[in-house]
Amino acid sequence: MPINPAFQLENPLPAIAPKQEQILQGAIQVFLKEGYARTSMDRVSAAAGVSKQTIYSHFQDKEGLFKALIERLTVACFQSIFSIEKLQGEPAILLRQIAEFYLTKVADNPDYLALLRLIITESQNFPELAKLYNQTVVQRGRQILSHYFASHPELAISDPEAMAHIFLGSLVSYVIIEEILHGKELTSLSRDRLLDSLINMVMSQSQNTVG
């Protein structure tokens, strides 16, 4: 079945202009090398080969630039698959597609992992970075998936928002444990086992209701 219209980004990201892409390419190099605190517009300007005024005209300030980086590495990827491609299949198939897309297209991106590591490292001194990631990625994804669950009553999910939080939170925590906390070097949990359990949990709600 086609993806439900509610299961799309409510505020799709605008297309990135070539100049903005040039700035973001330079900015990510500086942020990942220097950290958030030591990153200045002067350094981004030099790395991107543009004037500081050009950066301010596109992104307003450092926080706006950092938010744009988060969106580029995460939300933009999901937007491409949710807003353009019409996914087909039953909920179990669709949920697996979403999870696999996150784990392969987003979480396997070394820039995304480096950015997430930076956010965690600097979250104590700059809690706004963690809040920014939470709002841009976690809350937005939870809203999208919650709408999808709510629009499929046959799943019999009593609390769509909580189920969306569990589903997405499990994916994010899996990446943090395996890739950032070196879990895969110890006793690694395969992605297939994680996805099978998550999807079974969602699909079993209707079976429990019937039972």
C-alpha atoms as a PDB file:
ATOM      1  CA  MET A   1       0.000   0.000   0.000  1.00  0.00           C
ATOM      2  CA  PRO A   2       1.228   3.556  -0.603  1.00  0.00           C
ATOM      3  CA  ILE A   3       2.642   5.351   2.376  1.00  0.00           C
ATOM      4  CA  ASN A   4       0.045   7.351   4.274  1.00  0.00           C
ATOM      5  CA  PRO A   5       0.206  11.100   3.464  1.00  0.00           C
ATOM      6  CA  ALA A   6       0.536  11.849   7.188  1.00  0.00           C
ATOM      7  CA  PHE A   7       3.762   9.865   7.217  1.00  0.00           C
ATOM      8  CA  GLN A   8       5.791  12.614   5.604  1.00  0.00           C
ATOM      9  CA  LEU A   9       7.766  15.527   6.927  1.00  0.00           C
ATOM     10  CA  GLU A  10       5.251  18.202   7.844  1.00  0.00           C
ATOM     11  CA  ASN A  11       7.795  20.903   7.023  1.00  0.00           C
ATOM     12  CA  PRO A  12       9.955  19.564   4.181  1.00  0.00           C
ATOM     13  CA  LEU A  13      13.436  21.015   4.093  1.00  0.00           C
ATOM     14  CA  PRO A  14      14.074  23.514   1.311  1.00  0.00           C
ATOM     15  CA  ALA A  15      16.512  22.510  -1.388  1.00  0.00           C
ATOM     16  CA  ILE A  16      20.116  23.352  -0.563  1.00  0.00           C
ATOM     17  CA  ALA A  17      21.621  25.954  -2.886  1.00  0.00           C
ATOM     18  CA  PRO A  18      25.155  25.320  -4.223  1.00  0.00           C
ATOM     19  CA  LYS A  19      26.538  28.111  -2.042  1.00  0.00           C
ATOM     20  CA  GLN A  20      24.921  26.628   1.065  1.00  0.00           C
ATOM     21  CA  GLU A  21      26.346  23.214   0.224  1.00  0.00           C
ATOM     22  CA  GLN A  22      29.783  24.794  -0.138  1.00  0.00           C
ATOM     23  CA  ILE A  23      29.455  26.373   3.290  1.00  0.00           C
ATOM     24  CA  LEU A  24      28.222  23.150   4.900  1.00  0.00           C
ATOM     25  CA  GLN A  25      31.098  21.171   3.397  1.00  0.00           C
ATOM     26  CA  GLY A  26      33.563  23.585   4.947  1.00  0.00           C
ATOM     27  CA  ALA A  27      31.679  23.816   8.230  1.00  0.00           C
ATOM     28  CA  ILE A  28      31.554  20.096   8.886  1.00  0.00           C
ATOM     29  CA  GLN A  29      35.327  19.856   8.509  1.00  0.00           C
ATOM     30  CA  VAL A  30      35.823  22.589  11.094  1.00  0.00           C
ATOM     31  CA  PHE A  31      33.167  21.394  13.568  1.00  0.00           C
ATOM     32  CA  LEU A  32      34.469  17.813  13.562  1.00  0.00           C
ATOM     33  CA  LYS A  33      38.086  18.876  13.874  1.00  0.00           C
ATOM     34  CA  GLU A  34      37.791  21.733  16.374  1.00  0.00           C
ATOM     35  CA  GLY A  35      34.592  20.930  18.275  1.00  0.00           C
ATOM     36  CA  TYR A  36      31.661  23.261  18.723  1.00  0.00           C
ATOM     37  CA  ALA A  37      33.244  25.691  21.189  1.00  0.00           C
ATOM     38  CA  ARG A  38      36.400  26.303  19.149  1.00  0.00           C
ATOM     39  CA  THR A  39      34.625  26.616  15.831  1.00  0.00           C
ATOM     40  CA  SER A  40      34.428  30.214  14.667  1.00  0.00           C
ATOM     41  CA  MET A  41      32.890  31.793  11.613  1.00  0.00           C
ATOM     42  CA  ASP A  42      36.391  32.889  10.607  1.00  0.00           C
ATOM     43  CA  ARG A  43      37.521  29.258  10.440  1.00  0.00           C
ATOM     44  CA  VAL A  44      34.392  28.151   8.611  1.00  0.00           C
ATOM     45  CA  SER A  45      34.820  31.044   6.200  1.00  0.00           C
ATOM     46  CA  ALA A  46      38.384  29.976   5.414  1.00  0.00           C
ATOM     47  CA  ALA A  47      37.476  26.290   5.036  1.00  0.00           C
ATOM     48  CA  ALA A  48      34.477  27.024   2.807  1.00  0.00           C
ATOM     49  CA  GLY A  49      36.157  29.732   0.762  1.00  0.00           C
ATOM     50  CA  VAL A  50      33.412  32.291   1.333  1.00  0.00           C
ATOM     51  CA  SER A  51      33.071  35.480   3.329  1.00  0.00           C
ATOM     52  CA  LYS A  52      31.661  35.531   6.850  1.00  0.00           C
ATOM     53  CA  GLN A  53      28.854  37.762   5.631  1.00  0.00           C
ATOM     54  CA  THR A  54      27.848  35.073   3.147  1.00  0.00           C
ATOM     55  CA  ILE A  55      27.651  32.523   5.958  1.00  0.00           C
ATOM     56  CA  TYR A  56      25.537  34.834   8.116  1.00  0.00           C
ATOM     57  CA  SER A  57      23.211  35.595   5.209  1.00  0.00           C
ATOM     58  CA  HIS A  58      22.450  31.879   4.766  1.00  0.00           C
ATOM     59  CA  PHE A  59      22.552  30.538   8.338  1.00  0.00           C
ATOM     60  CA  GLN A  60      22.276  33.568  10.691  1.00  0.00           C
ATOM     61  CA  ASP A  61      24.665  32.275  13.380  1.00  0.00           C
ATOM     62  CA  LYS A  62      26.759  29.303  14.512  1.00  0.00           C
ATOM     63  CA  GLU A  63      23.793  27.495  16.028  1.00  0.00           C
ATOM     64  CA  GLY A  64      21.837  27.901  12.804  1.00  0.00           C
ATOM     65  CA  LEU A  65      24.778  26.511  10.864  1.00  0.00           C
ATOM     66  CA  PHE A  66      25.079  23.532  13.206  1.00  0.00           C
ATOM     67  CA  LYS A  67      21.361  22.825  12.929  1.00  0.00           C
ATOM     68  CA  ALA A  68      21.658  22.860   9.139  1.00  0.00           C
ATOM     69  CA  LEU A  69      24.438  20.275   9.401  1.00  0.00           C
ATOM     70  CA  ILE A  70      22.278  17.991  11.533  1.00  0.00           C
ATOM     71  CA  GLU A  71      19.410  18.322   9.060  1.00  0.00           C
ATOM     72  CA  ARG A  72      21.684  17.643   6.105  1.00  0.00           C
ATOM     73  CA  LEU A  73      23.075  14.454   7.638  1.00  0.00           C
ATOM     74  CA  THR A  74      19.810  13.063   8.970  1.00  0.00           C
ATOM     75  CA  VAL A  75      16.470  14.656   8.127  1.00  0.00           C
ATOM     76  CA  ALA A  76      17.330  15.319   4.483  1.00  0.00           C
ATOM     77  CA  CYS A  77      18.050  11.613   3.997  1.00  0.00           C
ATOM     78  CA  PHE A  78      14.658  10.597   5.380  1.00  0.00           C
ATOM     79  CA  GLN A  79      12.895  13.335   3.444  1.00  0.00           C
ATOM     80  CA  SER A  80      14.186  11.902   0.198  1.00  0.00           C
ATOM     81  CA  ILE A  81      12.640   8.514   0.860  1.00  0.00           C
ATOM     82  CA  PHE A  82       9.406   9.615   2.568  1.00  0.00           C
ATOM     83  CA  SER A  83       8.454  12.553   0.364  1.00  0.00           C
ATOM     84  CA  ILE A  84       9.498  11.298  -3.053  1.00  0.00           C
ATOM     85  CA  GLU A  85       9.417   7.514  -3.085  1.00  0.00           C
ATOM     86  CA  LYS A  86       6.033   5.934  -2.399  1.00  0.00           C
ATOM     87  CA  LEU A  87       6.876   2.951  -0.245  1.00  0.00           C
ATOM     88  CA  GLN A  88       4.793  -0.135  -0.817  1.00  0.00           C
ATOM     89  CA  GLY A  89       4.027  -3.008   1.475  1.00  0.00           C
ATOM     90  CA  GLU A  90       2.497  -4.014   4.759  1.00  0.00           C
ATOM     91  CA  PRO A  91       3.439  -2.227   8.024  1.00  0.00           C
ATOM     92  CA  ALA A  92       5.984  -4.909   8.931  1.00  0.00           C
ATOM     93  CA  ILE A  93       7.751  -4.405   5.594  1.00  0.00           C
ATOM     94  CA  LEU A  94       7.588  -0.638   5.828  1.00  0.00           C
ATOM     95  CA  LEU A  95       8.958  -0.561   9.380  1.00  0.00           C
ATOM     96  CA  ARG A  96      11.881  -2.730   8.347  1.00  0.00           C
ATOM     97  CA  GLN A  97      12.576  -0.410   5.413  1.00  0.00           C
ATOM     98  CA  ILE A  98      12.610   2.600   7.725  1.00  0.00           C
ATOM     99  CA  ALA A  99      14.919   0.921  10.238  1.00  0.00           C
ATOM    100  CA  GLU A 100      17.283  -0.443   7.606  1.00  0.00           C
ATOM    101  CA  PHE A 101      17.399   2.938   5.917  1.00  0.00           C
ATOM    102  CA  TYR A 102      18.438   4.602   9.174  1.00  0.00           C
ATOM    103  CA  LEU A 103      21.047   1.966   9.990  1.00  0.00           C
ATOM    104  CA  THR A 104      22.591   1.876   6.504  1.00  0.00           C
ATOM    105  CA  LYS A 105      22.107   5.288   4.900  1.00  0.00           C
ATOM    106  CA  VAL A 106      22.297   7.477   8.005  1.00  0.00           C
ATOM    107  CA  ALA A 107      24.103   5.660  10.807  1.00  0.00           C
ATOM    108  CA  ASP A 108      26.759   4.198   8.504  1.00  0.00           C
ATOM    109  CA  ASN A 109      27.701   7.695   7.373  1.00  0.00           C
ATOM    110  CA  PRO A 110      31.024   8.488   9.124  1.00  0.00           C
ATOM    111  CA  ASP A 111      30.158  12.211   9.179  1.00  0.00           C
ATOM    112  CA  TYR A 112      26.902  11.457  11.026  1.00  0.00           C
ATOM    113  CA  LEU A 113      28.687   9.285  13.586  1.00  0.00           C
ATOM    114  CA  ALA A 114      31.346  11.950  14.111  1.00  0.00           C
ATOM    115  CA  LEU A 115      28.659  14.597  14.534  1.00  0.00           C
ATOM    116  CA  LEU A 116      26.722  12.472  17.026  1.00  0.00           C
ATOM    117  CA  ARG A 117      29.935  11.825  18.961  1.00  0.00           C
ATOM    118  CA  LEU A 118      30.584  15.571  19.018  1.00  0.00           C
ATOM    119  CA  ILE A 119      27.096  16.298  20.331  1.00  0.00           C
ATOM    120  CA  ILE A 120      27.461  13.744  23.134  1.00  0.00           C
ATOM    121  CA  THR A 121      30.946  14.973  24.052  1.00  0.00           C
ATOM    122  CA  GLU A 122      29.933  18.630  24.231  1.00  0.00           C
ATOM    123  CA  SER A 123      26.434  18.182  25.654  1.00  0.00           C
ATOM    124  CA  GLN A 124      27.464  19.016  29.221  1.00  0.00           C
ATOM    125  CA  ASN A 125      28.998  22.364  28.305  1.00  0.00           C
ATOM    126  CA  PHE A 126      26.583  23.052  25.469  1.00  0.00           C
ATOM    127  CA  PRO A 127      23.266  21.377  26.325  1.00  0.00           C
ATOM    128  CA  GLU A 128      21.619  23.322  23.504  1.00  0.00           C
ATOM    129  CA  LEU A 129      23.436  21.053  21.032  1.00  0.00           C
ATOM    130  CA  ALA A 130      21.824  17.944  22.502  1.00  0.00           C
ATOM    131  CA  LYS A 131      18.447  19.687  22.556  1.00  0.00           C
ATOM    132  CA  LEU A 132      18.939  20.711  18.941  1.00  0.00           C
ATOM    133  CA  TYR A 133      19.660  17.123  17.905  1.00  0.00           C
ATOM    134  CA  ASN A 134      16.690  15.907  19.938  1.00  0.00           C
ATOM    135  CA  GLN A 135      14.323  18.399  18.316  1.00  0.00           C
ATOM    136  CA  THR A 136      15.684  18.026  14.800  1.00  0.00           C
ATOM    137  CA  VAL A 137      16.038  14.257  14.667  1.00  0.00           C
ATOM    138  CA  VAL A 138      14.399  12.375  17.542  1.00  0.00           C
ATOM    139  CA  GLN A 139      11.248  14.424  18.084  1.00  0.00           C
ATOM    140  CA  ARG A 140      10.631  14.944  14.395  1.00  0.00           C
ATOM    141  CA  GLY A 141      11.054  11.244  13.665  1.00  0.00           C
ATOM    142  CA  ARG A 142       8.824  10.326  16.590  1.00  0.00           C
ATOM    143  CA  GLN A 143       6.112  12.660  15.297  1.00  0.00           C
ATOM    144  CA  ILE A 144       6.236  11.128  11.819  1.00  0.00           C
ATOM    145  CA  LEU A 145       6.120   7.545  13.056  1.00  0.00           C
ATOM    146  CA  SER A 146       3.462   8.353  15.636  1.00  0.00           C
ATOM    147  CA  HIS A 147       1.223   9.709  12.869  1.00  0.00           C
ATOM    148  CA  TYR A 148       1.789   6.550  10.886  1.00  0.00           C
ATOM    149  CA  PHE A 149       0.887   4.262  13.793  1.00  0.00           C
ATOM    150  CA  ALA A 150      -2.206   6.327  14.585  1.00  0.00           C
ATOM    151  CA  SER A 151      -3.358   6.102  10.954  1.00  0.00           C
ATOM    152  CA  HIS A 152      -3.237   2.283  11.055  1.00  0.00           C
ATOM    153  CA  PRO A 153      -5.827   1.179  13.623  1.00  0.00           C
ATOM    154  CA  GLU A 154      -5.377  -2.446  12.536  1.00  0.00           C
ATOM    155  CA  LEU A 155      -2.086  -2.389  14.434  1.00  0.00           C
ATOM    156  CA  ALA A 156      -4.059  -1.805  17.654  1.00  0.00           C
ATOM    157  CA  ILE A 157      -1.352   0.379  19.171  1.00  0.00           C
ATOM    158  CA  SER A 158      -2.848   2.026  22.234  1.00  0.00           C
ATOM    159  CA  ASP A 159      -0.159   4.702  22.539  1.00  0.00           C
ATOM    160  CA  PRO A 160       1.298   5.539  19.096  1.00  0.00           C
ATOM    161  CA  GLU A 161       3.646   8.204  20.442  1.00  0.00           C
ATOM    162  CA  ALA A 162       5.169   5.904  23.053  1.00  0.00           C
ATOM    163  CA  MET A 163       5.563   3.095  20.520  1.00  0.00           C
ATOM    164  CA  ALA A 164       7.255   5.486  18.089  1.00  0.00           C
ATOM    165  CA  HIS A 165       9.604   6.585  20.867  1.00  0.00           C
ATOM    166  CA  ILE A 166      10.500   2.978  21.684  1.00  0.00           C
ATOM    167  CA  PHE A 167      11.048   2.079  18.029  1.00  0.00           C
ATOM    168  CA  LEU A 168      13.222   5.066  17.114  1.00  0.00           C
ATOM    169  CA  GLY A 169      14.958   5.228  20.485  1.00  0.00           C
ATOM    170  CA  SER A 170      16.054   1.627  20.080  1.00  0.00           C
ATOM    171  CA  LEU A 171      17.652   2.432  16.732  1.00  0.00           C
ATOM    172  CA  VAL A 172      19.491   5.491  18.041  1.00  0.00           C
ATOM    173  CA  SER A 173      20.704   3.709  21.179  1.00  0.00           C
ATOM    174  CA  TYR A 174      21.849   0.745  19.087  1.00  0.00           C
ATOM    175  CA  VAL A 175      24.069   3.035  17.006  1.00  0.00           C
ATOM    176  CA  ILE A 176      25.473   4.750  20.108  1.00  0.00           C
ATOM    177  CA  ILE A 177      26.253   1.458  21.855  1.00  0.00           C
ATOM    178  CA  GLU A 178      27.656  -0.353  18.827  1.00  0.00           C
ATOM    179  CA  GLU A 179      29.529   2.437  17.063  1.00  0.00           C
ATOM    180  CA  ILE A 180      30.417   5.033  19.711  1.00  0.00           C
ATOM    181  CA  LEU A 181      30.739   2.911  22.860  1.00  0.00           C
ATOM    182  CA  HIS A 182      32.539   0.152  20.899  1.00  0.00           C
ATOM    183  CA  GLY A 183      29.869  -2.420  21.630  1.00  0.00           C
ATOM    184  CA  LYS A 184      30.505  -4.257  18.361  1.00  0.00           C
ATOM    185  CA  GLU A 185      34.018  -5.051  19.570  1.00  0.00           C
ATOM    186  CA  LEU A 186      32.553  -6.860  22.590  1.00  0.00           C
ATOM    187  CA  THR A 187      29.337  -8.860  22.379  1.00  0.00           C
ATOM    188  CA  SER A 188      27.642  -7.411  19.340  1.00  0.00           C
ATOM    189  CA  LEU A 189      23.906  -7.724  18.705  1.00  0.00           C
ATOM    190  CA  SER A 190      23.241  -8.166  15.003  1.00  0.00           C
ATOM    191  CA  ARG A 191      21.046  -5.648  13.245  1.00  0.00           C
ATOM    192  CA  ASP A 192      18.727  -8.385  12.023  1.00  0.00           C
ATOM    193  CA  ARG A 193      18.045  -9.589  15.580  1.00  0.00           C
ATOM    194  CA  LEU A 194      17.283  -6.044  16.695  1.00  0.00           C
ATOM    195  CA  LEU A 195      14.954  -5.342  13.773  1.00  0.00           C
ATOM    196  CA  ASP A 196      13.153  -8.686  14.098  1.00  0.00           C
ATOM    197  CA  SER A 197      12.437  -8.017  17.774  1.00  0.00           C
ATOM    198  CA  LEU A 198      11.317  -4.428  17.212  1.00  0.00           C
ATOM    199  CA  ILE A 199       8.965  -5.334  14.389  1.00  0.00           C
ATOM    200  CA  ASN A 200       7.571  -8.328  16.267  1.00  0.00           C
ATOM    201  CA  MET A 201       6.888  -6.030  19.215  1.00  0.00           C
ATOM    202  CA  VAL A 202       4.899  -3.623  17.045  1.00  0.00           C
ATOM    203  CA  MET A 203       2.992  -6.278  15.126  1.00  0.00           C
ATOM    204  CA  SER A 204       2.158  -8.303  18.249  1.00  0.00           C
ATOM    205  CA  GLN A 205      -0.024  -5.501  19.613  1.00  0.00           C
ATOM    206  CA  SER A 206      -2.922  -6.478  17.358  1.00  0.00           C
ATOM    207  CA  GLN A 207      -2.480 -10.162  18.238  1.00  0.00           C
ATOM    208  CA  ASN A 208      -2.594  -9.340  21.951  1.00  0.00           C
ATOM    209  CA  THR A 209      -5.780  -7.346  21.424  1.00  0.00           C
ATOM    210  CA  VAL A 210      -7.431 -10.186  19.572  1.00  0.00           C
ATOM    211  CA  GLY A 211      -6.285 -12.664  22.196  1.00  0.00           C
END
